[in-house]
Amino acid sequence: MNRRMFLKGLAAIGTAGRFAGMLAIAPVAFVMTACGFSVTAVLNVIIGAVQGILRIAGNVPWASELSQALATLQQQIATWKSGGPAALIIDALNTIEAIAAVIPLTKVYSPLIDLLVSAIESIITYFQNQGTSNRLVTFTRPRANVNNLHLGRVPCAKPDKLHPTYEGVLKAQWNALADSLQLSEAEIK
């Protein structure tokens, strides 16, 4: 199915169908526009989100592995230069996403994991579209989006007048979702 057929199909099913179709492609749209987009700032929001999950998760089997993956991501970001090869950052994000895939959908904080996965997918897509050297990334784990039930459940919001940057809207979306779940400890400070 090409784009034209997809859009004709949306027109045939009305406004609700168009809205649902836009939600399905929202994580990719997160990184396709350049205005108000800072890779480092969005990565810092993702770090804050992972730290929030670790604060509320308690004593679960995957917490230590997630903590180690977070430390690796922070280390890679600290040594990365904007515009440089991002293979190690992509690999660290993929590792976090793989760990997130084992978190049950029945956990109270599952919608936060869904949003985290959407944000990670957006950044990985952004990096993979930035040049041929980043498209040939070798992951230490199988690609985490293959069987990830959290993928696509909560799309990333787009910047608006209140939050004109991607990192601002992602942080606001995360904090609003944490607040609605009554998990204020998971909010990004």
Protein backbone atom coordinates (compact mmCIF):
# COMPACT_ATOMS: atom_id res chain seq x y z
CA MET A 1 0.00 0.00 0.00
CA ASN A 2 1.47 3.34 -0.98
CA ARG A 3 0.87 6.73 0.63
CA ARG A 4 -1.81 7.78 -1.84
CA MET A 5 -3.87 4.63 -1.24
CA PHE A 6 -3.45 5.07 2.53
CA LEU A 7 -4.70 8.66 2.40
CA LYS A 8 -7.63 7.74 0.12
CA GLY A 9 -8.57 5.04 2.61
CA LEU A 10 -8.49 7.57 5.44
CA ALA A 11 -10.71 9.94 3.49
CA ALA A 12 -13.22 7.15 2.99
CA ILE A 13 -13.50 6.33 6.69
CA GLY A 14 -14.03 9.87 7.99
CA THR A 15 -12.57 12.05 10.71
CA ALA A 16 -12.23 9.34 13.35
CA GLY A 17 -10.32 7.16 10.91
CA ARG A 18 -7.99 10.01 9.96
CA PHE A 19 -7.27 10.69 13.64
CA ALA A 20 -6.53 7.01 14.29
CA GLY A 21 -4.31 6.90 11.21
CA MET A 22 -2.33 9.91 12.41
CA LEU A 23 -1.84 8.28 15.83
CA ALA A 24 -0.39 5.24 14.10
CA ILE A 25 2.34 7.31 12.43
CA ALA A 26 2.90 9.82 15.25
CA PRO A 27 6.14 8.33 16.66
CA VAL A 28 7.82 8.67 13.27
CA ALA A 29 6.48 12.21 12.83
CA PHE A 30 8.09 13.13 16.15
CA VAL A 31 11.49 13.38 14.53
CA MET A 32 10.76 14.24 10.94
CA THR A 33 10.43 17.98 11.46
CA ALA A 34 13.48 19.90 12.55
CA CYS A 35 11.99 22.97 14.24
CA GLY A 36 12.34 22.92 17.99
CA PHE A 37 14.26 19.64 17.99
CA SER A 38 17.40 19.05 20.03
CA VAL A 39 18.64 15.46 20.14
CA THR A 40 20.55 15.96 23.38
CA ALA A 41 17.58 17.59 25.10
CA VAL A 42 15.23 14.76 24.08
CA LEU A 43 17.81 12.19 25.21
CA ASN A 44 17.94 13.94 28.59
CA VAL A 45 14.15 13.67 28.87
CA ILE A 46 14.42 9.95 28.08
CA ILE A 47 17.05 9.64 30.83
CA GLY A 48 14.69 11.40 33.25
CA ALA A 49 11.87 9.07 32.21
CA VAL A 50 13.97 5.96 32.85
CA GLN A 51 15.02 7.36 36.22
CA GLY A 52 11.34 7.92 37.04
CA ILE A 53 10.52 4.31 36.16
CA LEU A 54 13.36 3.10 38.38
CA ARG A 55 12.03 5.21 41.29
CA ILE A 56 8.60 3.60 41.17
CA ALA A 57 9.41 0.08 40.00
CA GLY A 58 10.59 -1.22 43.33
CA ASN A 59 12.30 -4.59 43.60
CA VAL A 60 11.62 -6.11 40.19
CA PRO A 61 13.91 -8.50 38.28
CA TRP A 62 14.63 -6.10 35.41
CA ALA A 63 15.45 -2.99 37.51
CA SER A 64 19.19 -3.64 37.85
CA GLU A 65 19.53 -4.35 34.13
CA LEU A 66 17.60 -1.15 33.32
CA SER A 67 19.83 0.80 35.70
CA GLN A 68 22.95 -0.54 33.97
CA ALA A 69 21.52 0.28 30.53
CA LEU A 70 20.75 3.81 31.74
CA ALA A 71 24.33 4.26 32.97
CA THR A 72 25.60 3.09 29.57
CA LEU A 73 23.32 5.55 27.78
CA GLN A 74 24.49 8.41 30.00
CA GLN A 75 28.12 7.50 29.34
CA GLN A 76 27.57 7.38 25.57
CA ILE A 77 25.76 10.73 25.57
CA ALA A 78 28.58 12.31 27.58
CA THR A 79 31.17 11.30 24.95
CA TRP A 80 28.99 11.91 21.86
CA LYS A 81 29.35 15.06 19.80
CA SER A 82 26.26 16.39 18.02
CA GLY A 83 26.37 15.37 14.37
CA GLY A 84 28.86 12.57 15.04
CA PRO A 85 28.24 8.84 14.68
CA ALA A 86 25.57 7.76 17.11
CA ALA A 87 25.80 3.98 16.84
CA LEU A 88 26.62 3.50 20.53
CA ILE A 89 23.75 5.75 21.63
CA ILE A 90 21.36 3.88 19.34
CA ASP A 91 22.59 0.59 20.78
CA ALA A 92 22.08 1.83 24.36
CA LEU A 93 18.56 3.02 23.51
CA ASN A 94 17.79 -0.33 21.90
CA THR A 95 18.95 -2.08 25.09
CA ILE A 96 16.62 0.06 27.21
CA GLU A 97 13.78 -0.67 24.80
CA ALA A 98 14.51 -4.41 24.98
CA ILE A 99 14.31 -4.30 28.77
CA ALA A 100 11.08 -2.31 28.58
CA ALA A 101 9.60 -5.02 26.36
CA VAL A 102 9.58 -7.49 29.28
CA ILE A 103 7.60 -5.16 31.56
CA PRO A 104 4.03 -6.50 31.72
CA LEU A 105 1.23 -4.41 30.25
CA THR A 106 -0.68 -5.00 33.50
CA LYS A 107 1.67 -2.85 35.60
CA VAL A 108 0.16 0.45 36.72
CA TYR A 109 3.04 2.32 35.08
CA SER A 110 2.68 0.51 31.76
CA PRO A 111 1.43 3.64 29.92
CA LEU A 112 4.66 5.38 30.94
CA ILE A 113 6.64 2.49 29.45
CA ASP A 114 4.55 2.83 26.27
CA LEU A 115 5.49 6.51 26.00
CA LEU A 116 9.14 5.75 26.76
CA VAL A 117 9.24 3.18 23.95
CA SER A 118 7.66 5.67 21.51
CA ALA A 119 10.25 8.30 22.42
CA ILE A 120 13.11 5.81 22.02
CA GLU A 121 11.78 4.68 18.65
CA SER A 122 11.58 8.29 17.51
CA ILE A 123 15.19 9.00 18.43
CA ILE A 124 16.44 5.77 16.82
CA THR A 125 14.51 6.63 13.65
CA TYR A 126 15.99 10.13 13.71
CA PHE A 127 19.55 8.82 14.01
CA GLN A 128 19.06 6.16 11.35
CA ASN A 129 17.85 8.82 8.93
CA GLN A 130 20.88 11.07 9.52
CA GLY A 131 23.40 9.40 7.26
CA THR A 132 24.63 6.18 5.82
CA SER A 133 27.06 5.48 8.67
CA ASN A 134 24.22 5.37 11.18
CA ARG A 135 21.97 3.18 9.05
CA LEU A 136 24.33 0.24 9.35
CA VAL A 137 24.13 -0.06 13.12
CA THR A 138 24.99 -3.39 14.71
CA PHE A 139 22.92 -3.96 17.83
CA THR A 140 24.18 -6.06 20.75
CA ARG A 141 20.62 -7.36 21.17
CA PRO A 142 18.05 -8.17 18.50
CA ARG A 143 16.11 -5.08 17.43
CA ALA A 144 13.80 -4.38 20.38
CA ASN A 145 10.81 -3.15 18.41
CA VAL A 146 10.02 -6.51 16.80
CA ASN A 147 7.89 -8.11 19.52
CA ASN A 148 7.51 -5.16 21.85
CA LEU A 149 3.89 -4.91 23.00
CA HIS A 150 4.50 -1.37 24.28
CA LEU A 151 5.31 -0.07 20.80
CA GLY A 152 2.75 2.34 19.36
CA ARG A 153 0.36 2.28 22.33
CA VAL A 154 1.02 5.87 23.50
CA PRO A 155 2.36 8.11 20.73
CA CYS A 156 4.58 11.10 21.39
CA ALA A 157 2.79 14.43 21.29
CA LYS A 158 3.88 17.16 18.89
CA PRO A 159 5.05 20.61 19.98
CA ASP A 160 2.37 23.24 20.42
CA LYS A 161 2.16 26.88 21.56
CA LEU A 162 2.48 25.91 25.22
CA HIS A 163 5.41 23.53 24.63
CA PRO A 164 7.20 24.63 21.42
CA THR A 165 10.02 22.08 21.63
CA TYR A 166 9.99 18.29 21.41
CA GLU A 167 11.76 17.87 24.72
CA GLY A 168 9.29 20.27 26.37
CA VAL A 169 6.22 18.53 25.04
CA LEU A 170 7.64 15.07 25.81
CA LYS A 171 8.43 16.07 29.40
CA ALA A 172 4.98 17.64 29.81
CA GLN A 173 3.30 14.57 28.31
CA TRP A 174 5.30 12.27 30.61
CA ASN A 175 4.50 14.31 33.72
CA ALA A 176 0.80 14.59 32.85
CA LEU A 177 0.60 10.84 32.28
CA ALA A 178 2.43 10.12 35.56
CA ASP A 179 0.08 12.51 37.36
CA SER A 180 -3.01 10.87 35.84
CA LEU A 181 -1.72 7.49 37.05
CA GLN A 182 -1.09 8.99 40.51
CA LEU A 183 2.63 8.25 40.19
CA SER A 184 4.10 11.64 41.03
CA GLU A 185 7.42 9.93 41.95
CA ALA A 186 7.86 9.08 38.26
CA GLU A 187 7.63 12.70 37.11
CA ILE A 188 10.65 14.25 35.43
CA LYS A 189 11.94 17.12 37.53
